[in-house]
């Protein structure tokens, strides 16, 4: 009987000890700050809407007038693209769209070539601190100025109206972004190949070429392709102010209210943009991820021989 009492007392002491050693559950954090922040954002948004001086009463017309404009633009799509004058509309739209693609490609290549040395000069593990800071300030200044300003202020007075001004403006605008991305890629490389090249007595140029550049080349090419996609869209905007391409055609059509040709032109823009994005995306994936094919033992043996 006493043994049973002792065992119960022992188990009771163990439970008491476990309860005493258990960490108390922390109090739930207060949600007051988050609630106040959301209320403040709602008040700011509501104030911005009230001060926007927008004609909210005409919001319903978006559905009625918008449907009417879509119907007018769709009339050109209902006709055969091989009949006159719609065949000329399709041909002109594709020609101008390809002109925008050419502008984007030339601008991207121009920006890519200039961004390579700028990226090296802006990388902290390549250049000195003064050079890095000066180069980064230049790149930030380029990124801060839209391509539209480059065209109006600099390119149009030099090159005049046409795709050359647009291509150069796209190239200059791409330098800021591509140079920054190249510098960040260089700063994230594996230092092992660089140290091995330095230990072997390689020249500075050889180290930059084979230890730095080869590591970042796939990533940098992916940046170029992505910038090419952005430049295609930007070229359409630049064309509105006379820089050539599909934007210039759209500006002329909207001024004449030629809705059926506008619809054809917009469809061409959508089709070409989707095609370019798909091809560019596939190339970027192939460059970054590789082919995904497994190397067999026989292939490894042949490579070793």
C-alpha atoms as a PDB file:
ATOM      1  CA  UNK A   1       0.000   0.000   0.000  1.00  0.00           C
ATOM      2  CA  UNK A   2       2.806   2.361   0.911  1.00  0.00           C
ATOM      3  CA  UNK A   3       4.632   1.325  -2.280  1.00  0.00           C
ATOM      4  CA  UNK A   4       1.578   2.320  -4.351  1.00  0.00           C
ATOM      5  CA  UNK A   5       1.395   5.683  -2.589  1.00  0.00           C
ATOM      6  CA  UNK A   6       5.081   6.234  -3.229  1.00  0.00           C
ATOM      7  CA  UNK A   7       4.698   5.455  -6.950  1.00  0.00           C
ATOM      8  CA  UNK A   8       1.732   7.817  -7.256  1.00  0.00           C
ATOM      9  CA  UNK A   9       3.642  10.526  -5.464  1.00  0.00           C
ATOM     10  CA  UNK A  10       6.635   9.980  -7.747  1.00  0.00           C
ATOM     11  CA  UNK A  11       4.496  10.210 -10.932  1.00  0.00           C
ATOM     12  CA  UNK A  12       2.756  13.300  -9.543  1.00  0.00           C
ATOM     13  CA  UNK A  13       6.106  14.960  -8.894  1.00  0.00           C
ATOM     14  CA  UNK A  14       7.195  14.119 -12.458  1.00  0.00           C
ATOM     15  CA  UNK A  15       4.056  15.709 -13.921  1.00  0.00           C
ATOM     16  CA  UNK A  16       4.522  18.774 -11.736  1.00  0.00           C
ATOM     17  CA  UNK A  17       8.179  19.058 -12.794  1.00  0.00           C
ATOM     18  CA  UNK A  18       7.264  18.728 -16.502  1.00  0.00           C
ATOM     19  CA  UNK A  19       4.536  21.341 -16.138  1.00  0.00           C
ATOM     20  CA  UNK A  20       6.901  23.690 -14.373  1.00  0.00           C
ATOM     21  CA  UNK A  21       9.592  23.250 -17.064  1.00  0.00           C
ATOM     22  CA  UNK A  22       7.235  23.761 -19.989  1.00  0.00           C
ATOM     23  CA  UNK A  23       7.750  27.068 -21.830  1.00  0.00           C
ATOM     24  CA  UNK A  24       4.654  29.248 -21.632  1.00  0.00           C
ATOM     25  CA  UNK A  25       2.953  29.987 -24.942  1.00  0.00           C
ATOM     26  CA  UNK A  26       3.866  33.452 -26.178  1.00  0.00           C
ATOM     27  CA  UNK A  27       1.162  36.026 -26.510  1.00  0.00           C
ATOM     28  CA  UNK A  28      -0.285  36.558 -29.959  1.00  0.00           C
ATOM     29  CA  UNK A  29       1.285  39.613 -31.623  1.00  0.00           C
ATOM     30  CA  UNK A  30      -0.900  42.637 -31.892  1.00  0.00           C
ATOM     31  CA  UNK A  31      -2.503  43.343 -35.272  1.00  0.00           C
ATOM     32  CA  UNK A  32      -3.099  46.980 -34.468  1.00  0.00           C
ATOM     33  CA  UNK A  33      -0.155  48.257 -36.533  1.00  0.00           C
ATOM     34  CA  UNK A  34      -1.165  46.268 -39.594  1.00  0.00           C
ATOM     35  CA  UNK A  35      -4.765  47.390 -39.260  1.00  0.00           C
ATOM     36  CA  UNK A  36      -3.749  51.037 -38.927  1.00  0.00           C
ATOM     37  CA  UNK A  37      -1.462  50.708 -41.960  1.00  0.00           C
ATOM     38  CA  UNK A  38      -4.248  49.252 -44.115  1.00  0.00           C
ATOM     39  CA  UNK A  39      -6.659  51.959 -42.972  1.00  0.00           C
ATOM     40  CA  UNK A  40      -4.071  54.642 -43.821  1.00  0.00           C
ATOM     41  CA  UNK A  41      -3.538  53.143 -47.284  1.00  0.00           C
ATOM     42  CA  UNK A  42      -7.291  53.039 -47.856  1.00  0.00           C
ATOM     43  CA  UNK A  43      -7.610  56.691 -46.825  1.00  0.00           C
ATOM     44  CA  UNK A  44      -4.726  57.703 -49.120  1.00  0.00           C
ATOM     45  CA  UNK A  45      -6.217  55.768 -52.020  1.00  0.00           C
ATOM     46  CA  UNK A  46      -9.642  57.253 -51.424  1.00  0.00           C
ATOM     47  CA  UNK A  47      -8.175  60.753 -51.264  1.00  0.00           C
ATOM     48  CA  UNK A  48      -6.265  60.187 -54.516  1.00  0.00           C
ATOM     49  CA  UNK A  49      -9.460  59.009 -56.213  1.00  0.00           C
ATOM     50  CA  UNK A  50     -11.387  62.015 -54.930  1.00  0.00           C
ATOM     51  CA  UNK A  51      -8.679  64.479 -56.023  1.00  0.00           C
ATOM     52  CA  UNK A  52      -8.155  62.913 -59.456  1.00  0.00           C
ATOM     53  CA  UNK A  53     -11.012  64.966 -60.934  1.00  0.00           C
ATOM     54  CA  UNK A  54     -12.053  61.947 -62.990  1.00  0.00           C
ATOM     55  CA  UNK A  55     -15.466  61.794 -64.602  1.00  0.00           C
ATOM     56  CA  UNK A  56     -16.629  58.621 -62.897  1.00  0.00           C
ATOM     57  CA  UNK A  57     -20.129  59.086 -64.237  1.00  0.00           C
ATOM     58  CA  UNK A  58     -18.865  58.217 -67.706  1.00  0.00           C
ATOM     59  CA  UNK A  59     -17.389  54.925 -66.558  1.00  0.00           C
ATOM     60  CA  UNK A  60     -20.382  53.060 -67.915  1.00  0.00           C
ATOM     61  CA  UNK A  61     -19.620  54.417 -71.399  1.00  0.00           C
ATOM     62  CA  UNK A  62     -16.432  52.384 -71.448  1.00  0.00           C
ATOM     63  CA  UNK A  63     -18.487  49.270 -72.098  1.00  0.00           C
ATOM     64  CA  UNK A  64     -20.808  50.817 -74.675  1.00  0.00           C
ATOM     65  CA  UNK A  65     -18.311  53.005 -76.566  1.00  0.00           C
ATOM     66  CA  UNK A  66     -15.555  50.448 -76.161  1.00  0.00           C
ATOM     67  CA  UNK A  67     -17.717  47.767 -77.713  1.00  0.00           C
ATOM     68  CA  UNK A  68     -18.499  50.093 -80.613  1.00  0.00           C
ATOM     69  CA  UNK A  69     -14.818  50.782 -81.293  1.00  0.00           C
ATOM     70  CA  UNK A  70     -13.967  47.094 -81.085  1.00  0.00           C
ATOM     71  CA  UNK A  71     -16.712  46.390 -83.593  1.00  0.00           C
ATOM     72  CA  UNK A  72     -15.339  49.050 -85.947  1.00  0.00           C
ATOM     73  CA  UNK A  73     -11.808  47.655 -85.662  1.00  0.00           C
ATOM     74  CA  UNK A  74     -13.059  44.131 -86.173  1.00  0.00           C
ATOM     75  CA  UNK A  75     -14.660  44.977 -89.501  1.00  0.00           C
ATOM     76  CA  UNK A  76     -11.286  44.965 -91.212  1.00  0.00           C
ATOM     77  CA  UNK A  77     -10.546  41.488 -89.856  1.00  0.00           C
ATOM     78  CA  UNK A  78     -13.708  40.050 -91.369  1.00  0.00           C
ATOM     79  CA  UNK A  79     -12.552  40.739 -94.912  1.00  0.00           C
ATOM     80  CA  UNK A  80     -10.208  38.486 -96.833  1.00  0.00           C
ATOM     81  CA  UNK A  81      -6.556  39.556 -96.402  1.00  0.00           C
ATOM     82  CA  UNK A  82      -6.033  38.793-100.109  1.00  0.00           C
ATOM     83  CA  UNK A  83      -8.644  41.272-101.342  1.00  0.00           C
ATOM     84  CA  UNK A  84      -7.986  44.941-102.036  1.00  0.00           C
ATOM     85  CA  UNK A  85      -7.413  47.202-100.182  1.00  0.00           C
ATOM     86  CA  UNK A  86      -7.056  44.900 -97.158  1.00  0.00           C
ATOM     87  CA  UNK A  87      -4.074  43.054 -98.588  1.00  0.00           C
ATOM     88  CA  UNK A  88      -2.248  46.391 -98.682  1.00  0.00           C
ATOM     89  CA  UNK A  89      -3.253  47.027 -95.058  1.00  0.00           C
ATOM     90  CA  UNK A  90      -1.824  43.684 -93.912  1.00  0.00           C
ATOM     91  CA  UNK A  91       1.361  44.142 -95.963  1.00  0.00           C
ATOM     92  CA  UNK A  92       1.947  47.666 -94.661  1.00  0.00           C
ATOM     93  CA  UNK A  93       1.303  46.596 -91.061  1.00  0.00           C
ATOM     94  CA  UNK A  94       3.797  43.713 -91.296  1.00  0.00           C
ATOM     95  CA  UNK A  95       6.395  45.951 -92.954  1.00  0.00           C
ATOM     96  CA  UNK A  96       6.116  48.588 -90.251  1.00  0.00           C
ATOM     97  CA  UNK A  97       6.109  45.971 -87.499  1.00  0.00           C
ATOM     98  CA  UNK A  98       9.274  44.412 -88.865  1.00  0.00           C
ATOM     99  CA  UNK A  99      10.774  47.883 -88.979  1.00  0.00           C
ATOM    100  CA  UNK A 100      10.047  48.153 -85.248  1.00  0.00           C
ATOM    101  CA  UNK A 101      11.645  44.734 -84.703  1.00  0.00           C
ATOM    102  CA  UNK A 102      14.732  45.881 -86.623  1.00  0.00           C
ATOM    103  CA  UNK A 103      14.868  49.038 -84.517  1.00  0.00           C
ATOM    104  CA  UNK A 104      14.643  46.972 -81.333  1.00  0.00           C
ATOM    105  CA  UNK A 105      17.326  44.541 -82.524  1.00  0.00           C
ATOM    106  CA  UNK A 106      19.797  47.245 -83.575  1.00  0.00           C
ATOM    107  CA  UNK A 107      19.148  49.169 -80.362  1.00  0.00           C
ATOM    108  CA  UNK A 108      19.663  46.047 -78.259  1.00  0.00           C
ATOM    109  CA  UNK A 109      22.925  45.157 -79.996  1.00  0.00           C
ATOM    110  CA  UNK A 110      24.175  48.734 -79.651  1.00  0.00           C
ATOM    111  CA  UNK A 111      23.319  48.781 -75.966  1.00  0.00           C
ATOM    112  CA  UNK A 112      24.822  45.325 -75.431  1.00  0.00           C
ATOM    113  CA  UNK A 113      28.167  46.267 -76.973  1.00  0.00           C
ATOM    114  CA  UNK A 114      28.444  49.457 -74.914  1.00  0.00           C
ATOM    115  CA  UNK A 115      27.226  47.792 -71.717  1.00  0.00           C
ATOM    116  CA  UNK A 116      30.025  45.188 -71.686  1.00  0.00           C
ATOM    117  CA  UNK A 117      32.870  47.584 -70.744  1.00  0.00           C
ATOM    118  CA  UNK A 118      30.491  49.604 -68.568  1.00  0.00           C
ATOM    119  CA  UNK A 119      29.560  46.446 -66.678  1.00  0.00           C
ATOM    120  CA  UNK A 120      33.202  45.571 -66.022  1.00  0.00           C
ATOM    121  CA  UNK A 121      33.925  49.119 -64.843  1.00  0.00           C
ATOM    122  CA  UNK A 122      30.899  49.006 -62.509  1.00  0.00           C
ATOM    123  CA  UNK A 123      31.764  45.633 -60.909  1.00  0.00           C
ATOM    124  CA  UNK A 124      33.343  45.941 -57.467  1.00  0.00           C
ATOM    125  CA  UNK A 125      35.457  42.818 -57.900  1.00  0.00           C
ATOM    126  CA  UNK A 126      36.960  44.094 -61.162  1.00  0.00           C
ATOM    127  CA  UNK A 127      37.523  47.857 -60.991  1.00  0.00           C
ATOM    128  CA  UNK A 128      38.592  50.224 -58.225  1.00  0.00           C
ATOM    129  CA  UNK A 129      36.122  51.975 -55.907  1.00  0.00           C
ATOM    130  CA  UNK A 130      36.365  55.375 -57.621  1.00  0.00           C
ATOM    131  CA  UNK A 131      35.844  53.882 -61.076  1.00  0.00           C
ATOM    132  CA  UNK A 132      32.935  51.815 -59.804  1.00  0.00           C
ATOM    133  CA  UNK A 133      31.178  54.799 -58.258  1.00  0.00           C
ATOM    134  CA  UNK A 134      31.632  57.032 -61.314  1.00  0.00           C
ATOM    135  CA  UNK A 135      30.426  54.296 -63.675  1.00  0.00           C
ATOM    136  CA  UNK A 136      27.406  53.493 -61.523  1.00  0.00           C
ATOM    137  CA  UNK A 137      26.436  57.171 -61.435  1.00  0.00           C
ATOM    138  CA  UNK A 138      26.553  57.259 -65.243  1.00  0.00           C
ATOM    139  CA  UNK A 139      24.448  54.096 -65.504  1.00  0.00           C
ATOM    140  CA  UNK A 140      21.918  55.443 -62.999  1.00  0.00           C
ATOM    141  CA  UNK A 141      21.648  58.690 -64.942  1.00  0.00           C
ATOM    142  CA  UNK A 142      20.999  56.790 -68.176  1.00  0.00           C
ATOM    143  CA  UNK A 143      18.319  54.646 -66.541  1.00  0.00           C
ATOM    144  CA  UNK A 144      16.638  57.728 -65.092  1.00  0.00           C
ATOM    145  CA  UNK A 145      16.049  59.289 -68.535  1.00  0.00           C
ATOM    146  CA  UNK A 146      13.286  57.644 -70.636  1.00  0.00           C
ATOM    147  CA  UNK A 147      13.988  56.706 -74.243  1.00  0.00           C
ATOM    148  CA  UNK A 148      11.310  59.191 -75.274  1.00  0.00           C
ATOM    149  CA  UNK A 149      13.440  62.050 -73.951  1.00  0.00           C
ATOM    150  CA  UNK A 150      16.531  60.723 -75.735  1.00  0.00           C
ATOM    151  CA  UNK A 151      14.632  60.774 -79.018  1.00  0.00           C
ATOM    152  CA  UNK A 152      13.120  64.251 -78.656  1.00  0.00           C
ATOM    153  CA  UNK A 153      16.119  66.062 -77.189  1.00  0.00           C
ATOM    154  CA  UNK A 154      19.116  64.321 -78.767  1.00  0.00           C
ATOM    155  CA  UNK A 155      18.341  61.837 -81.537  1.00  0.00           C
ATOM    156  CA  UNK A 156      15.767  63.658 -83.659  1.00  0.00           C
ATOM    157  CA  UNK A 157      17.888  66.833 -84.050  1.00  0.00           C
ATOM    158  CA  UNK A 158      20.838  64.678 -85.173  1.00  0.00           C
ATOM    159  CA  UNK A 159      19.266  61.866 -87.199  1.00  0.00           C
ATOM    160  CA  UNK A 160      15.913  63.425 -88.070  1.00  0.00           C
ATOM    161  CA  UNK A 161      12.620  61.561 -88.221  1.00  0.00           C
ATOM    162  CA  UNK A 162      12.977  57.862 -88.936  1.00  0.00           C
ATOM    163  CA  UNK A 163      13.973  54.513 -87.458  1.00  0.00           C
ATOM    164  CA  UNK A 164      17.654  55.452 -87.020  1.00  0.00           C
ATOM    165  CA  UNK A 165      16.824  57.923 -84.267  1.00  0.00           C
ATOM    166  CA  UNK A 166      14.620  55.363 -82.555  1.00  0.00           C
ATOM    167  CA  UNK A 167      17.215  52.595 -82.753  1.00  0.00           C
ATOM    168  CA  UNK A 168      19.975  54.799 -81.305  1.00  0.00           C
ATOM    169  CA  UNK A 169      17.674  55.993 -78.509  1.00  0.00           C
ATOM    170  CA  UNK A 170      16.767  52.402 -77.633  1.00  0.00           C
ATOM    171  CA  UNK A 171      20.459  51.488 -77.610  1.00  0.00           C
ATOM    172  CA  UNK A 172      21.426  54.332 -75.302  1.00  0.00           C
ATOM    173  CA  UNK A 173      18.528  53.549 -72.999  1.00  0.00           C
ATOM    174  CA  UNK A 174      19.516  49.882 -72.869  1.00  0.00           C
ATOM    175  CA  UNK A 175      23.061  50.704 -71.702  1.00  0.00           C
ATOM    176  CA  UNK A 176      21.901  51.716 -68.234  1.00  0.00           C
ATOM    177  CA  UNK A 177      19.967  48.520 -67.551  1.00  0.00           C
ATOM    178  CA  UNK A 178      22.304  46.057 -69.260  1.00  0.00           C
ATOM    179  CA  UNK A 179      25.400  47.632 -67.708  1.00  0.00           C
ATOM    180  CA  UNK A 180      23.935  47.326 -64.207  1.00  0.00           C
ATOM    181  CA  UNK A 181      22.841  43.725 -64.744  1.00  0.00           C
ATOM    182  CA  UNK A 182      26.233  42.795 -66.216  1.00  0.00           C
ATOM    183  CA  UNK A 183      28.022  44.312 -63.219  1.00  0.00           C
ATOM    184  CA  UNK A 184      25.824  42.402 -60.774  1.00  0.00           C
ATOM    185  CA  UNK A 185      26.449  39.163 -62.678  1.00  0.00           C
ATOM    186  CA  UNK A 186      30.218  39.754 -62.562  1.00  0.00           C
ATOM    187  CA  UNK A 187      30.094  40.387 -58.831  1.00  0.00           C
ATOM    188  CA  UNK A 188      28.378  37.035 -58.284  1.00  0.00           C
ATOM    189  CA  UNK A 189      30.889  34.807 -60.093  1.00  0.00           C
ATOM    190  CA  UNK A 190      32.838  31.942 -58.562  1.00  0.00           C
ATOM    191  CA  UNK A 191      36.249  33.355 -57.508  1.00  0.00           C
ATOM    192  CA  UNK A 192      37.945  29.986 -57.961  1.00  0.00           C
ATOM    193  CA  UNK A 193      38.717  30.294 -61.701  1.00  0.00           C
ATOM    194  CA  UNK A 194      39.931  33.858 -61.167  1.00  0.00           C
ATOM    195  CA  UNK A 195      42.356  32.800 -58.432  1.00  0.00           C
ATOM    196  CA  UNK A 196      43.566  29.866 -60.537  1.00  0.00           C
ATOM    197  CA  UNK A 197      44.219  32.148 -63.518  1.00  0.00           C
ATOM    198  CA  UNK A 198      46.078  34.619 -61.323  1.00  0.00           C
ATOM    199  CA  UNK A 199      48.181  31.837 -59.797  1.00  0.00           C
ATOM    200  CA  UNK A 200      49.130  30.583 -63.259  1.00  0.00           C
ATOM    201  CA  UNK A 201      50.437  34.007 -64.222  1.00  0.00           C
ATOM    202  CA  UNK A 202      47.750  34.885 -66.759  1.00  0.00           C
ATOM    203  CA  UNK A 203      47.528  38.444 -67.997  1.00  0.00           C
ATOM    204  CA  UNK A 204      44.858  40.827 -66.815  1.00  0.00           C
ATOM    205  CA  UNK A 205      43.078  40.665 -70.184  1.00  0.00           C
ATOM    206  CA  UNK A 206      43.140  36.862 -70.178  1.00  0.00           C
ATOM    207  CA  UNK A 207      41.693  36.766 -66.664  1.00  0.00           C
ATOM    208  CA  UNK A 208      38.852  39.096 -67.641  1.00  0.00           C
ATOM    209  CA  UNK A 209      38.189  37.148 -70.821  1.00  0.00           C
ATOM    210  CA  UNK A 210      38.389  33.563 -69.583  1.00  0.00           C
ATOM    211  CA  UNK A 211      37.776  33.740 -65.812  1.00  0.00           C
ATOM    212  CA  UNK A 212      35.164  36.497 -65.598  1.00  0.00           C
ATOM    213  CA  UNK A 213      33.403  36.769 -68.949  1.00  0.00           C
ATOM    214  CA  UNK A 214      32.923  33.065 -69.617  1.00  0.00           C
ATOM    215  CA  UNK A 215      31.123  32.621 -66.301  1.00  0.00           C
ATOM    216  CA  UNK A 216      28.574  35.373 -66.898  1.00  0.00           C
ATOM    217  CA  UNK A 217      28.118  35.052 -70.677  1.00  0.00           C
ATOM    218  CA  UNK A 218      24.986  32.810 -70.605  1.00  0.00           C
ATOM    219  CA  UNK A 219      23.292  35.040 -68.052  1.00  0.00           C
ATOM    220  CA  UNK A 220      24.256  38.224 -69.893  1.00  0.00           C
ATOM    221  CA  UNK A 221      22.915  36.882 -73.199  1.00  0.00           C
ATOM    222  CA  UNK A 222      19.627  36.139 -71.441  1.00  0.00           C
ATOM    223  CA  UNK A 223      19.579  39.774 -70.295  1.00  0.00           C
ATOM    224  CA  UNK A 224      20.104  40.916 -73.881  1.00  0.00           C
ATOM    225  CA  UNK A 225      17.208  38.825 -75.156  1.00  0.00           C
ATOM    226  CA  UNK A 226      14.916  40.107 -72.430  1.00  0.00           C
ATOM    227  CA  UNK A 227      15.898  43.682 -73.256  1.00  0.00           C
ATOM    228  CA  UNK A 228      15.140  42.961 -76.912  1.00  0.00           C
ATOM    229  CA  UNK A 229      11.569  42.064 -75.960  1.00  0.00           C
ATOM    230  CA  UNK A 230      11.252  45.316 -74.002  1.00  0.00           C
ATOM    231  CA  UNK A 231      12.656  47.342 -76.891  1.00  0.00           C
ATOM    232  CA  UNK A 232      10.038  45.949 -79.280  1.00  0.00           C
ATOM    233  CA  UNK A 233       7.305  47.438 -77.126  1.00  0.00           C
ATOM    234  CA  UNK A 234       9.249  50.669 -76.616  1.00  0.00           C
ATOM    235  CA  UNK A 235       9.789  51.068 -80.364  1.00  0.00           C
ATOM    236  CA  UNK A 236       6.035  51.240 -80.873  1.00  0.00           C
ATOM    237  CA  UNK A 237       5.844  54.173 -78.456  1.00  0.00           C
ATOM    238  CA  UNK A 238       8.790  55.972 -80.058  1.00  0.00           C
ATOM    239  CA  UNK A 239       7.187  55.653 -83.464  1.00  0.00           C
ATOM    240  CA  UNK A 240       4.299  57.853 -82.347  1.00  0.00           C
ATOM    241  CA  UNK A 241       6.624  60.882 -82.217  1.00  0.00           C
ATOM    242  CA  UNK A 242       8.136  60.151 -85.610  1.00  0.00           C
ATOM    243  CA  UNK A 243      10.850  57.594 -84.851  1.00  0.00           C
ATOM    244  CA  UNK A 244       9.525  55.149 -87.432  1.00  0.00           C
ATOM    245  CA  UNK A 245       8.074  51.698 -87.078  1.00  0.00           C
ATOM    246  CA  UNK A 246       4.594  50.523 -86.236  1.00  0.00           C
ATOM    247  CA  UNK A 247       3.985  53.384 -83.821  1.00  0.00           C
ATOM    248  CA  UNK A 248       4.259  55.946 -86.586  1.00  0.00           C
ATOM    249  CA  UNK A 249       1.696  54.037 -88.636  1.00  0.00           C
ATOM    250  CA  UNK A 250      -0.682  53.832 -85.668  1.00  0.00           C
ATOM    251  CA  UNK A 251      -0.362  57.564 -85.080  1.00  0.00           C
ATOM    252  CA  UNK A 252      -1.335  58.277 -88.673  1.00  0.00           C
ATOM    253  CA  UNK A 253      -4.255  55.849 -88.578  1.00  0.00           C
ATOM    254  CA  UNK A 254      -5.672  57.230 -85.338  1.00  0.00           C
ATOM    255  CA  UNK A 255      -5.496  60.761 -86.731  1.00  0.00           C
ATOM    256  CA  UNK A 256      -7.606  59.610 -89.720  1.00  0.00           C
ATOM    257  CA  UNK A 257      -9.920  57.412 -87.571  1.00  0.00           C
ATOM    258  CA  UNK A 258      -9.325  54.542 -89.981  1.00  0.00           C
ATOM    259  CA  UNK A 259     -10.669  51.901 -87.584  1.00  0.00           C
ATOM    260  CA  UNK A 260     -10.606  48.839 -89.831  1.00  0.00           C
ATOM    261  CA  UNK A 261      -6.918  49.381 -90.632  1.00  0.00           C
ATOM    262  CA  UNK A 262      -6.225  50.096 -86.956  1.00  0.00           C
ATOM    263  CA  UNK A 263      -7.700  46.704 -86.056  1.00  0.00           C
ATOM    264  CA  UNK A 264      -5.499  44.944 -88.609  1.00  0.00           C
ATOM    265  CA  UNK A 265      -2.415  46.790 -87.334  1.00  0.00           C
ATOM    266  CA  UNK A 266      -3.135  45.879 -83.707  1.00  0.00           C
ATOM    267  CA  UNK A 267      -3.574  42.220 -84.616  1.00  0.00           C
ATOM    268  CA  UNK A 268      -0.226  42.258 -86.419  1.00  0.00           C
ATOM    269  CA  UNK A 269       1.425  43.814 -83.349  1.00  0.00           C
ATOM    270  CA  UNK A 270      -0.033  41.113 -81.113  1.00  0.00           C
ATOM    271  CA  UNK A 271       0.953  38.237 -83.409  1.00  0.00           C
ATOM    272  CA  UNK A 272       4.529  39.409 -83.969  1.00  0.00           C
ATOM    273  CA  UNK A 273       5.027  40.226 -80.280  1.00  0.00           C
ATOM    274  CA  UNK A 274       3.805  36.785 -79.208  1.00  0.00           C
ATOM    275  CA  UNK A 275       6.055  35.091 -81.774  1.00  0.00           C
ATOM    276  CA  UNK A 276       9.126  37.072 -80.725  1.00  0.00           C
ATOM    277  CA  UNK A 277       8.442  36.503 -77.020  1.00  0.00           C
ATOM    278  CA  UNK A 278       8.026  32.754 -77.554  1.00  0.00           C
ATOM    279  CA  UNK A 279      11.233  32.417 -79.564  1.00  0.00           C
ATOM    280  CA  UNK A 280      13.215  34.639 -77.206  1.00  0.00           C
ATOM    281  CA  UNK A 281      11.895  32.809 -74.154  1.00  0.00           C
ATOM    282  CA  UNK A 282      12.847  29.433 -75.613  1.00  0.00           C
ATOM    283  CA  UNK A 283      16.363  30.668 -76.406  1.00  0.00           C
ATOM    284  CA  UNK A 284      16.768  32.134 -72.906  1.00  0.00           C
ATOM    285  CA  UNK A 285      15.632  28.864 -71.337  1.00  0.00           C
ATOM    286  CA  UNK A 286      18.019  26.902 -73.548  1.00  0.00           C
ATOM    287  CA  UNK A 287      20.956  29.141 -72.670  1.00  0.00           C
ATOM    288  CA  UNK A 288      20.344  29.148 -68.921  1.00  0.00           C
ATOM    289  CA  UNK A 289      19.087  25.590 -68.360  1.00  0.00           C
ATOM    290  CA  UNK A 290      20.923  23.754 -71.135  1.00  0.00           C
ATOM    291  CA  UNK A 291      19.524  21.077 -73.361  1.00  0.00           C
ATOM    292  CA  UNK A 292      18.613  18.796 -70.465  1.00  0.00           C
ATOM    293  CA  UNK A 293      20.180  15.763 -72.182  1.00  0.00           C
ATOM    294  CA  UNK A 294      22.101  13.329 -70.002  1.00  0.00           C
ATOM    295  CA  UNK A 295      25.665  12.495 -70.940  1.00  0.00           C
ATOM    296  CA  UNK A 296      26.194   8.744 -71.272  1.00  0.00           C
ATOM    297  CA  UNK A 297      29.230   6.824 -70.043  1.00  0.00           C
ATOM    298  CA  UNK A 298      30.394   6.236 -73.623  1.00  0.00           C
ATOM    299  CA  UNK A 299      30.271   9.959 -74.367  1.00  0.00           C
ATOM    300  CA  UNK A 300      32.255  10.712 -71.234  1.00  0.00           C
ATOM    301  CA  UNK A 301      34.869   8.136 -72.246  1.00  0.00           C
ATOM    302  CA  UNK A 302      35.103   9.616 -75.750  1.00  0.00           C
ATOM    303  CA  UNK A 303      35.497  13.111 -74.290  1.00  0.00           C
ATOM    304  CA  UNK A 304      38.253  11.880 -71.990  1.00  0.00           C
ATOM    305  CA  UNK A 305      40.121  10.334 -74.902  1.00  0.00           C
END
